[in-house]
Amino acid sequence: MDIDELIECRILRRISRFTVIVEINNVEVQVYLGNSGRLLQFMKPGNIGYLTKVEGRGRKHSYKLLGVKDCDYAAIVDTKIHEDVFAVLIDRDLLPWLQGFRISRRYPRVDGKILDYLLIGRGSYVLVEIKSAVLRLPSDIAGYPDAPTSRGRQHLKLLADKATKHGYESLVVFICALPNIKKFQLYCEEDREIGVIARYAQEKGVKFKAIGIYLDPYRKKIVLENPDIPVELECYKHQDLD
């Protein structure tokens, strides 16, 4: 995916769940952060960030934070972009494990809860929930979650209940939006229940996949690095993180 315009900034501080103060050309500006996670590794003062302009009238912020420098490139911290990238990959048939599938509906409502996608293909429907994995763990591992997530647990329970029922399959896709990721693993230090629930869901027939993407700020592109990252549902053993 091409990004029309990227504006470099410097992270100063996060002042609320969805608002960050950054510095652009020595001027402090409030920008939108589309991510409810803690992102402690990326919200450090002095980190280099990358903004895009927010279009439309009546918006509180003129910019949103798309990425933050990580390794030689940048992590993508905007979760809406993660969903959009997945849609592009489906449309372009770039995921070997979902070839032939197309988007039937976005944000389908299931038992009063909203999931991300309903796909159709190969004579079946697949309910898909996207989870953003932007926690960098040692040994090039991407982790999820980086904060307690009751919503994430609820989605896993719902998909476990719906897996293989009514002709629907259930799929969780972790978007590892960090460069140079070799594996995905659950990070249960932030949510003690997530590992148990994920393995329960797997036993019920929910499938788990992971995709590796990152932001290349030099070419202004979002890059698909690995369409099928190995997934480990056993909890990562805690170590001190930078």
C-alpha atoms as a PDB file:
ATOM      1  CA  MET A   1       0.000   0.000   0.000  1.00  0.00           C
ATOM      2  CA  ASP A   2       1.241   3.464  -0.887  1.00  0.00           C
ATOM      3  CA  ILE A   3       0.961   6.311   1.611  1.00  0.00           C
ATOM      4  CA  ASP A   4       0.324   9.606  -0.169  1.00  0.00           C
ATOM      5  CA  GLU A   5       2.010  11.785   2.433  1.00  0.00           C
ATOM      6  CA  LEU A   6       4.028  11.110   5.574  1.00  0.00           C
ATOM      7  CA  ILE A   7       5.019  13.799   8.051  1.00  0.00           C
ATOM      8  CA  GLU A   8       7.888  13.090  10.413  1.00  0.00           C
ATOM      9  CA  CYS A   9       7.459  14.127  14.038  1.00  0.00           C
ATOM     10  CA  ARG A  10       8.953  13.560  17.463  1.00  0.00           C
ATOM     11  CA  ILE A  11       6.899  11.915  20.215  1.00  0.00           C
ATOM     12  CA  LEU A  12       6.628  14.082  23.344  1.00  0.00           C
ATOM     13  CA  ARG A  13       3.975  12.456  25.536  1.00  0.00           C
ATOM     14  CA  ARG A  14       0.684  10.589  25.472  1.00  0.00           C
ATOM     15  CA  ILE A  15      -1.995  12.601  27.269  1.00  0.00           C
ATOM     16  CA  SER A  16      -5.003  10.296  26.866  1.00  0.00           C
ATOM     17  CA  ARG A  17      -6.019   6.982  25.398  1.00  0.00           C
ATOM     18  CA  PHE A  18      -6.309   8.361  21.877  1.00  0.00           C
ATOM     19  CA  THR A  19      -4.271  11.576  21.972  1.00  0.00           C
ATOM     20  CA  VAL A  20      -0.516  12.123  21.732  1.00  0.00           C
ATOM     21  CA  ILE A  21       1.475  15.348  21.839  1.00  0.00           C
ATOM     22  CA  VAL A  22       4.150  15.439  19.146  1.00  0.00           C
ATOM     23  CA  GLU A  23       6.573  18.026  17.841  1.00  0.00           C
ATOM     24  CA  ILE A  24       6.473  19.054  14.180  1.00  0.00           C
ATOM     25  CA  ASN A  25       9.085  21.621  13.129  1.00  0.00           C
ATOM     26  CA  ASN A  26       9.527  22.761  16.756  1.00  0.00           C
ATOM     27  CA  VAL A  27       5.745  23.195  17.243  1.00  0.00           C
ATOM     28  CA  GLU A  28       3.756  21.052  19.697  1.00  0.00           C
ATOM     29  CA  VAL A  29       0.679  19.455  18.102  1.00  0.00           C
ATOM     30  CA  GLN A  30      -2.033  17.132  19.409  1.00  0.00           C
ATOM     31  CA  VAL A  31      -2.529  14.119  17.120  1.00  0.00           C
ATOM     32  CA  TYR A  32      -4.925  11.180  17.086  1.00  0.00           C
ATOM     33  CA  LEU A  33      -3.707   7.713  18.087  1.00  0.00           C
ATOM     34  CA  GLY A  34      -5.932   4.928  16.806  1.00  0.00           C
ATOM     35  CA  ASN A  35      -4.821   2.312  19.304  1.00  0.00           C
ATOM     36  CA  SER A  36      -6.123   1.598  22.823  1.00  0.00           C
ATOM     37  CA  GLY A  37      -3.084  -0.485  23.791  1.00  0.00           C
ATOM     38  CA  ARG A  38      -0.356   0.820  26.080  1.00  0.00           C
ATOM     39  CA  LEU A  39       2.371   0.983  23.401  1.00  0.00           C
ATOM     40  CA  LEU A  40       4.935   1.772  26.079  1.00  0.00           C
ATOM     41  CA  GLN A  41       7.832   0.889  23.776  1.00  0.00           C
ATOM     42  CA  PHE A  42       6.723   3.446  21.202  1.00  0.00           C
ATOM     43  CA  MET A  43       5.267   6.303  23.259  1.00  0.00           C
ATOM     44  CA  LYS A  44       8.648   7.195  24.760  1.00  0.00           C
ATOM     45  CA  PRO A  45       9.588  10.895  24.541  1.00  0.00           C
ATOM     46  CA  GLY A  46      12.000  11.469  21.689  1.00  0.00           C
ATOM     47  CA  ASN A  47      10.899   8.577  19.492  1.00  0.00           C
ATOM     48  CA  ILE A  48      10.442   9.404  15.812  1.00  0.00           C
ATOM     49  CA  GLY A  49       6.865   9.122  14.595  1.00  0.00           C
ATOM     50  CA  TYR A  50       5.159   9.340  11.206  1.00  0.00           C
ATOM     51  CA  LEU A  51       1.861  11.151  10.707  1.00  0.00           C
ATOM     52  CA  THR A  52      -0.787  11.302   8.019  1.00  0.00           C
ATOM     53  CA  LYS A  53      -3.281  14.083   7.567  1.00  0.00           C
ATOM     54  CA  VAL A  54      -6.883  13.539   8.696  1.00  0.00           C
ATOM     55  CA  GLU A  55      -9.391  14.711   6.128  1.00  0.00           C
ATOM     56  CA  GLY A  56     -12.956  15.906   6.717  1.00  0.00           C
ATOM     57  CA  ARG A  57     -14.706  18.653   8.589  1.00  0.00           C
ATOM     58  CA  GLY A  58     -15.467  18.626  12.289  1.00  0.00           C
ATOM     59  CA  ARG A  59     -12.516  16.441  13.267  1.00  0.00           C
ATOM     60  CA  LYS A  60     -10.737  17.195  16.520  1.00  0.00           C
ATOM     61  CA  HIS A  61      -7.271  16.435  15.149  1.00  0.00           C
ATOM     62  CA  SER A  62      -5.615  17.360  11.869  1.00  0.00           C
ATOM     63  CA  TYR A  63      -3.164  14.435  12.014  1.00  0.00           C
ATOM     64  CA  LYS A  64      -3.101  10.836  13.114  1.00  0.00           C
ATOM     65  CA  LEU A  65      -0.085   8.810  14.181  1.00  0.00           C
ATOM     66  CA  LEU A  66       0.461   6.034  11.658  1.00  0.00           C
ATOM     67  CA  GLY A  67       3.828   4.662  12.706  1.00  0.00           C
ATOM     68  CA  VAL A  68       6.797   4.938  15.040  1.00  0.00           C
ATOM     69  CA  LYS A  69      10.408   4.207  14.112  1.00  0.00           C
ATOM     70  CA  ASP A  70      11.407   0.636  14.935  1.00  0.00           C
ATOM     71  CA  CYS A  71      14.629  -1.049  13.820  1.00  0.00           C
ATOM     72  CA  ASP A  72      15.441   0.253  10.334  1.00  0.00           C
ATOM     73  CA  TYR A  73      11.829   1.006   9.443  1.00  0.00           C
ATOM     74  CA  ALA A  74       8.693   1.676  11.511  1.00  0.00           C
ATOM     75  CA  ALA A  75       5.985  -0.119  13.447  1.00  0.00           C
ATOM     76  CA  ILE A  76       2.405   0.588  12.376  1.00  0.00           C
ATOM     77  CA  VAL A  77       0.444   1.633  15.458  1.00  0.00           C
ATOM     78  CA  ASP A  78      -2.890   2.586  13.848  1.00  0.00           C
ATOM     79  CA  THR A  79      -5.244  -0.399  14.202  1.00  0.00           C
ATOM     80  CA  LYS A  80      -7.628   0.824  11.480  1.00  0.00           C
ATOM     81  CA  ILE A  81      -4.743   0.555   9.016  1.00  0.00           C
ATOM     82  CA  HIS A  82      -4.225  -3.047  10.141  1.00  0.00           C
ATOM     83  CA  GLU A  83      -7.813  -3.833   9.158  1.00  0.00           C
ATOM     84  CA  ASP A  84      -7.455  -1.992   5.851  1.00  0.00           C
ATOM     85  CA  VAL A  85      -4.244  -3.846   4.992  1.00  0.00           C
ATOM     86  CA  PHE A  86      -5.966  -7.177   5.615  1.00  0.00           C
ATOM     87  CA  ALA A  87      -8.752  -6.155   3.210  1.00  0.00           C
ATOM     88  CA  VAL A  88      -6.203  -5.263   0.513  1.00  0.00           C
ATOM     89  CA  LEU A  89      -4.425  -8.597   0.977  1.00  0.00           C
ATOM     90  CA  ILE A  90      -7.729 -10.439   0.536  1.00  0.00           C
ATOM     91  CA  ASP A  91      -8.663  -8.416  -2.550  1.00  0.00           C
ATOM     92  CA  ARG A  92      -5.254  -9.076  -4.126  1.00  0.00           C
ATOM     93  CA  ASP A  93      -5.242 -12.769  -3.136  1.00  0.00           C
ATOM     94  CA  LEU A  94      -1.890 -12.408  -1.346  1.00  0.00           C
ATOM     95  CA  LEU A  95      -2.583 -14.730   1.593  1.00  0.00           C
ATOM     96  CA  PRO A  96      -1.925 -18.361   0.575  1.00  0.00           C
ATOM     97  CA  TRP A  97      -4.169 -19.682   3.345  1.00  0.00           C
ATOM     98  CA  LEU A  98      -7.140 -17.555   2.199  1.00  0.00           C
ATOM     99  CA  GLN A  99      -6.726 -17.716  -1.568  1.00  0.00           C
ATOM    100  CA  GLY A 100     -10.045 -17.639  -3.362  1.00  0.00           C
ATOM    101  CA  PHE A 101     -11.842 -15.870  -0.498  1.00  0.00           C
ATOM    102  CA  ARG A 102     -13.476 -12.484  -0.798  1.00  0.00           C
ATOM    103  CA  ILE A 103     -15.009 -10.081   1.701  1.00  0.00           C
ATOM    104  CA  SER A 104     -18.737 -10.686   2.043  1.00  0.00           C
ATOM    105  CA  ARG A 105     -19.312  -8.166   4.828  1.00  0.00           C
ATOM    106  CA  ARG A 106     -17.298  -5.801   6.968  1.00  0.00           C
ATOM    107  CA  TYR A 107     -18.108  -5.495  10.687  1.00  0.00           C
ATOM    108  CA  PRO A 108     -20.665  -8.327  10.823  1.00  0.00           C
ATOM    109  CA  ARG A 109     -22.786  -8.372  13.978  1.00  0.00           C
ATOM    110  CA  VAL A 110     -22.816 -11.770  15.702  1.00  0.00           C
ATOM    111  CA  ASP A 111     -24.783 -12.332  18.904  1.00  0.00           C
ATOM    112  CA  GLY A 112     -24.758  -8.624  19.650  1.00  0.00           C
ATOM    113  CA  LYS A 113     -21.008  -8.217  19.116  1.00  0.00           C
ATOM    114  CA  ILE A 114     -19.199  -6.797  16.114  1.00  0.00           C
ATOM    115  CA  LEU A 115     -16.397  -8.735  14.433  1.00  0.00           C
ATOM    116  CA  ASP A 116     -14.139  -7.441  11.673  1.00  0.00           C
ATOM    117  CA  TYR A 117     -14.964  -9.471   8.561  1.00  0.00           C
ATOM    118  CA  LEU A 118     -17.155 -12.138   7.068  1.00  0.00           C
ATOM    119  CA  LEU A 119     -15.401 -13.852   4.163  1.00  0.00           C
ATOM    120  CA  ILE A 120     -16.835 -16.152   1.539  1.00  0.00           C
ATOM    121  CA  GLY A 121     -14.999 -18.652  -0.633  1.00  0.00           C
ATOM    122  CA  ARG A 122     -14.472 -22.333  -1.374  1.00  0.00           C
ATOM    123  CA  GLY A 123     -18.114 -22.942  -0.590  1.00  0.00           C
ATOM    124  CA  SER A 124     -17.897 -21.689   2.998  1.00  0.00           C
ATOM    125  CA  TYR A 125     -18.077 -18.594   5.194  1.00  0.00           C
ATOM    126  CA  VAL A 126     -15.316 -17.501   7.563  1.00  0.00           C
ATOM    127  CA  LEU A 127     -15.756 -15.104  10.490  1.00  0.00           C
ATOM    128  CA  VAL A 128     -12.535 -13.138  10.994  1.00  0.00           C
ATOM    129  CA  GLU A 129     -11.340 -11.075  13.933  1.00  0.00           C
ATOM    130  CA  ILE A 130      -8.202  -8.942  13.516  1.00  0.00           C
ATOM    131  CA  LYS A 131      -5.908  -8.426  16.508  1.00  0.00           C
ATOM    132  CA  SER A 132      -3.026  -5.958  16.462  1.00  0.00           C
ATOM    133  CA  ALA A 133       0.311  -7.323  17.693  1.00  0.00           C
ATOM    134  CA  VAL A 134       2.676  -4.363  18.130  1.00  0.00           C
ATOM    135  CA  LEU A 135       4.514  -5.502  21.241  1.00  0.00           C
ATOM    136  CA  ARG A 136       8.127  -6.297  20.365  1.00  0.00           C
ATOM    137  CA  LEU A 137       9.471  -9.205  22.412  1.00  0.00           C
ATOM    138  CA  PRO A 138      13.063 -10.490  22.385  1.00  0.00           C
ATOM    139  CA  SER A 139      14.218 -12.781  19.572  1.00  0.00           C
ATOM    140  CA  ASP A 140      12.096 -10.996  16.957  1.00  0.00           C
ATOM    141  CA  ILE A 141       8.784 -12.122  18.449  1.00  0.00           C
ATOM    142  CA  ALA A 142       5.584 -10.084  18.193  1.00  0.00           C
ATOM    143  CA  GLY A 143       3.283 -10.278  21.202  1.00  0.00           C
ATOM    144  CA  TYR A 144      -0.377  -9.691  22.005  1.00  0.00           C
ATOM    145  CA  PRO A 145      -1.838  -8.155  24.094  1.00  0.00           C
ATOM    146  CA  ASP A 146       0.157  -5.298  25.625  1.00  0.00           C
ATOM    147  CA  ALA A 147      -2.702  -4.472  28.032  1.00  0.00           C
ATOM    148  CA  PRO A 148      -5.617  -6.357  29.653  1.00  0.00           C
ATOM    149  CA  THR A 149      -8.240  -6.964  26.973  1.00  0.00           C
ATOM    150  CA  SER A 150     -11.730  -7.985  28.030  1.00  0.00           C
ATOM    151  CA  ARG A 151     -12.873  -7.256  24.464  1.00  0.00           C
ATOM    152  CA  GLY A 152     -10.266  -9.642  23.082  1.00  0.00           C
ATOM    153  CA  ARG A 153     -11.352 -12.392  25.460  1.00  0.00           C
ATOM    154  CA  GLN A 154     -14.998 -11.872  24.535  1.00  0.00           C
ATOM    155  CA  HIS A 155     -14.202 -12.165  20.834  1.00  0.00           C
ATOM    156  CA  LEU A 156     -12.280 -15.406  21.348  1.00  0.00           C
ATOM    157  CA  LYS A 157     -15.165 -16.899  23.343  1.00  0.00           C
ATOM    158  CA  LEU A 158     -17.649 -15.835  20.672  1.00  0.00           C
ATOM    159  CA  LEU A 159     -15.573 -17.349  17.867  1.00  0.00           C
ATOM    160  CA  ALA A 160     -15.148 -20.556  19.856  1.00  0.00           C
ATOM    161  CA  ASP A 161     -18.917 -20.778  20.175  1.00  0.00           C
ATOM    162  CA  LYS A 162     -19.441 -20.163  16.455  1.00  0.00           C
ATOM    163  CA  ALA A 163     -16.568 -22.268  15.124  1.00  0.00           C
ATOM    164  CA  THR A 164     -17.856 -24.834  12.618  1.00  0.00           C
ATOM    165  CA  LYS A 165     -21.477 -24.013  13.550  1.00  0.00           C
ATOM    166  CA  HIS A 166     -24.066 -22.885  10.977  1.00  0.00           C
ATOM    167  CA  GLY A 167     -21.530 -23.501   8.207  1.00  0.00           C
ATOM    168  CA  TYR A 168     -19.202 -20.770   9.499  1.00  0.00           C
ATOM    169  CA  GLU A 169     -15.531 -21.207  10.218  1.00  0.00           C
ATOM    170  CA  SER A 170     -13.765 -18.934  12.722  1.00  0.00           C
ATOM    171  CA  LEU A 171     -10.378 -17.291  12.288  1.00  0.00           C
ATOM    172  CA  VAL A 172      -8.234 -14.931  14.377  1.00  0.00           C
ATOM    173  CA  VAL A 173      -5.530 -13.019  12.478  1.00  0.00           C
ATOM    174  CA  PHE A 174      -2.746 -11.308  14.407  1.00  0.00           C
ATOM    175  CA  ILE A 175      -1.305  -8.360  12.499  1.00  0.00           C
ATOM    176  CA  CYS A 176       2.355  -8.269  13.534  1.00  0.00           C
ATOM    177  CA  ALA A 177       2.960  -4.675  12.462  1.00  0.00           C
ATOM    178  CA  LEU A 178       6.687  -4.601  13.226  1.00  0.00           C
ATOM    179  CA  PRO A 179       9.686  -5.133  10.940  1.00  0.00           C
ATOM    180  CA  ASN A 180      11.795  -8.305  11.108  1.00  0.00           C
ATOM    181  CA  ILE A 181       9.315 -10.460  13.037  1.00  0.00           C
ATOM    182  CA  LYS A 182       9.946 -14.211  13.001  1.00  0.00           C
ATOM    183  CA  LYS A 183       7.160 -15.506  15.256  1.00  0.00           C
ATOM    184  CA  PHE A 184       3.978 -14.494  17.057  1.00  0.00           C
ATOM    185  CA  GLN A 185       3.360 -15.437  20.693  1.00  0.00           C
ATOM    186  CA  LEU A 186       0.746 -14.584  23.307  1.00  0.00           C
ATOM    187  CA  TYR A 187       1.956 -12.250  26.048  1.00  0.00           C
ATOM    188  CA  CYS A 188       0.004 -13.361  29.109  1.00  0.00           C
ATOM    189  CA  GLU A 189       1.819 -11.119  31.585  1.00  0.00           C
ATOM    190  CA  GLU A 190      -0.655  -8.377  30.671  1.00  0.00           C
ATOM    191  CA  ASP A 191      -3.726 -10.629  30.552  1.00  0.00           C
ATOM    192  CA  ARG A 192      -3.569 -13.811  32.594  1.00  0.00           C
ATOM    193  CA  GLU A 193      -6.674 -15.356  31.000  1.00  0.00           C
ATOM    194  CA  ILE A 194      -5.910 -14.792  27.341  1.00  0.00           C
ATOM    195  CA  GLY A 195      -3.740 -17.893  26.915  1.00  0.00           C
ATOM    196  CA  VAL A 196      -6.303 -20.256  28.437  1.00  0.00           C
ATOM    197  CA  ILE A 197      -9.118 -18.793  26.360  1.00  0.00           C
ATOM    198  CA  ALA A 198      -7.083 -18.875  23.136  1.00  0.00           C
ATOM    199  CA  ARG A 199      -6.202 -22.535  23.580  1.00  0.00           C
ATOM    200  CA  TYR A 200      -9.832 -23.322  24.414  1.00  0.00           C
ATOM    201  CA  ALA A 201     -10.889 -21.572  21.219  1.00  0.00           C
ATOM    202  CA  GLN A 202      -8.331 -23.562  19.237  1.00  0.00           C
ATOM    203  CA  GLU A 203      -9.709 -26.803  20.674  1.00  0.00           C
ATOM    204  CA  LYS A 204     -13.182 -25.729  19.551  1.00  0.00           C
ATOM    205  CA  GLY A 205     -11.956 -25.245  15.994  1.00  0.00           C
ATOM    206  CA  VAL A 206     -10.887 -21.591  15.831  1.00  0.00           C
ATOM    207  CA  LYS A 207      -7.877 -21.144  13.588  1.00  0.00           C
ATOM    208  CA  PHE A 208      -5.065 -18.702  14.378  1.00  0.00           C
ATOM    209  CA  LYS A 209      -2.845 -17.004  11.801  1.00  0.00           C
ATOM    210  CA  ALA A 210      -0.368 -14.121  11.798  1.00  0.00           C
ATOM    211  CA  ILE A 211       0.797 -11.669   9.139  1.00  0.00           C
ATOM    212  CA  GLY A 212       3.970  -9.572   9.208  1.00  0.00           C
ATOM    213  CA  ILE A 213       3.778  -5.993   7.905  1.00  0.00           C
ATOM    214  CA  TYR A 214       5.683  -2.768   8.540  1.00  0.00           C
ATOM    215  CA  LEU A 215       5.898   0.844   7.426  1.00  0.00           C
ATOM    216  CA  ASP A 216       8.743   1.849   5.111  1.00  0.00           C
ATOM    217  CA  PRO A 217       8.861   5.618   5.698  1.00  0.00           C
ATOM    218  CA  TYR A 218      11.521   6.169   3.029  1.00  0.00           C
ATOM    219  CA  ARG A 219       9.402   4.783   0.180  1.00  0.00           C
ATOM    220  CA  LYS A 220       6.101   5.752   1.863  1.00  0.00           C
ATOM    221  CA  LYS A 221       4.770   2.224   1.626  1.00  0.00           C
ATOM    222  CA  ILE A 222       3.249  -0.409   3.876  1.00  0.00           C
ATOM    223  CA  VAL A 223       5.137  -3.609   3.173  1.00  0.00           C
ATOM    224  CA  LEU A 224       3.942  -7.200   3.461  1.00  0.00           C
ATOM    225  CA  GLU A 225       6.994  -8.926   4.910  1.00  0.00           C
ATOM    226  CA  ASN A 226       5.559 -12.361   5.712  1.00  0.00           C
ATOM    227  CA  PRO A 227       2.030 -13.581   4.863  1.00  0.00           C
ATOM    228  CA  ASP A 228       2.229 -16.560   7.222  1.00  0.00           C
ATOM    229  CA  ILE A 229       4.175 -15.970  10.444  1.00  0.00           C
ATOM    230  CA  PRO A 230       4.312 -18.972  12.818  1.00  0.00           C
ATOM    231  CA  VAL A 231       1.844 -18.679  15.720  1.00  0.00           C
ATOM    232  CA  GLU A 232       2.565 -19.877  19.259  1.00  0.00           C
ATOM    233  CA  LEU A 233      -0.406 -19.904  21.633  1.00  0.00           C
ATOM    234  CA  GLU A 234       1.658 -20.874  24.643  1.00  0.00           C
ATOM    235  CA  CYS A 235       2.361 -17.840  26.775  1.00  0.00           C
ATOM    236  CA  TYR A 236       5.676 -16.073  26.359  1.00  0.00           C
ATOM    237  CA  LYS A 237       7.819 -16.433  29.458  1.00  0.00           C
ATOM    238  CA  HIS A 238       8.220 -13.022  31.029  1.00  0.00           C
ATOM    239  CA  GLN A 239      11.452 -11.079  30.678  1.00  0.00           C
ATOM    240  CA  ASP A 240      12.182  -7.450  31.293  1.00  0.00           C
ATOM    241  CA  LEU A 241      11.355  -5.467  28.167  1.00  0.00           C
ATOM    242  CA  ASP A 242      13.067  -2.280  27.006  1.00  0.00           C
END
